[in-house]
Protein backbone atom coordinates (compact mmCIF):
# COMPACT_ATOMS: atom_id res chain seq x y z
CA MET A 1 0.00 0.00 0.00
CA ARG A 2 2.76 2.45 0.91
CA SER A 3 4.60 1.73 -2.32
CA LEU A 4 1.48 2.41 -4.42
CA LEU A 5 0.91 5.73 -2.67
CA LEU A 6 4.55 6.73 -3.02
CA GLN A 7 4.47 5.79 -6.70
CA GLY A 8 1.30 7.82 -7.21
CA LEU A 9 2.89 10.84 -5.56
CA GLY A 10 5.99 10.41 -7.69
CA ASN A 11 3.83 10.33 -10.81
CA TRP A 12 1.96 13.43 -9.64
CA LEU A 13 5.25 15.25 -9.15
CA ALA A 14 6.45 14.21 -12.60
CA ASP A 15 3.20 15.24 -14.30
CA PHE A 16 3.17 18.82 -12.99
CA ALA A 17 5.83 21.29 -13.98
CA MET A 18 6.55 22.72 -10.56
CA THR A 19 9.64 23.03 -8.46
CA GLN A 20 10.13 20.95 -5.35
CA THR A 21 9.57 24.11 -3.31
CA GLU A 22 6.23 24.73 -5.03
CA ALA A 23 5.22 21.08 -4.54
CA ALA A 24 6.20 21.34 -0.87
CA LYS A 25 3.80 24.26 -0.44
CA VAL A 26 0.95 22.30 -2.06
CA LEU A 27 1.67 19.24 0.10
CA ALA A 28 2.38 21.30 3.25
CA VAL A 29 5.75 19.65 3.83
CA THR A 30 9.38 20.67 3.49
CA GLN A 31 11.25 20.60 0.21
CA ALA A 32 13.39 17.81 1.66
CA ARG A 33 10.28 15.64 2.09
CA VAL A 34 9.37 16.24 -1.56
CA SER A 35 12.89 15.21 -2.51
CA ASP A 36 12.52 12.00 -0.47
CA THR A 37 9.26 11.32 -2.32
CA LYS A 38 10.90 11.80 -5.71
CA ARG A 39 13.75 9.49 -4.72
CA GLY A 40 11.35 6.80 -3.52
CA LYS A 41 12.61 6.71 0.07
CA ILE A 42 9.68 4.64 1.32
CA SER A 43 11.20 4.09 4.76
CA SER A 44 10.85 7.84 5.39
CA PHE A 45 7.05 7.77 5.18
CA SER A 46 4.30 6.22 7.26
CA LEU A 47 1.13 5.01 5.60
CA ASP A 48 -0.81 7.78 7.33
CA LEU A 49 1.47 10.50 5.97
CA LEU A 50 1.37 9.10 2.44
CA VAL A 51 -2.44 9.05 2.51
CA ARG A 52 -2.49 12.68 3.69
CA LEU A 53 0.00 13.76 1.03
CA ALA A 54 -1.93 11.96 -1.70
CA ALA A 55 -5.13 13.67 -0.57
CA ARG A 56 -3.42 17.08 -0.59
CA ALA A 57 -2.22 16.36 -4.13
CA GLY A 58 -5.81 15.65 -5.14
CA LEU A 59 -5.17 11.97 -5.82
CA ASN A 60 -8.25 10.84 -3.87
CA PRO A 61 -6.66 7.88 -2.07
CA ASN A 62 -9.03 5.22 -0.84
CA ALA A 63 -8.79 1.69 0.42
CA ARG A 64 -11.13 -1.22 0.19
CA VAL A 65 -11.22 -4.19 2.50
CA ILE A 66 -11.24 -7.38 0.50
CA ASP A 67 -12.86 -10.40 2.10
CA VAL A 68 -10.72 -13.45 1.40
């Protein structure tokens, strides 16, 4: 789940022509956190933070419980 969210954020960052500083303002984090996102440093992010960042980016994250 974390990897999918991080990948989605990475794609969002690649799709929009904005600087890391501009992206940091949109996501309400530091530029260093945006850099960690772009580099795929998954260990730096909790699931909760990734969900919040994805929501701030307008990615509409959601999860479904699958009965197995």
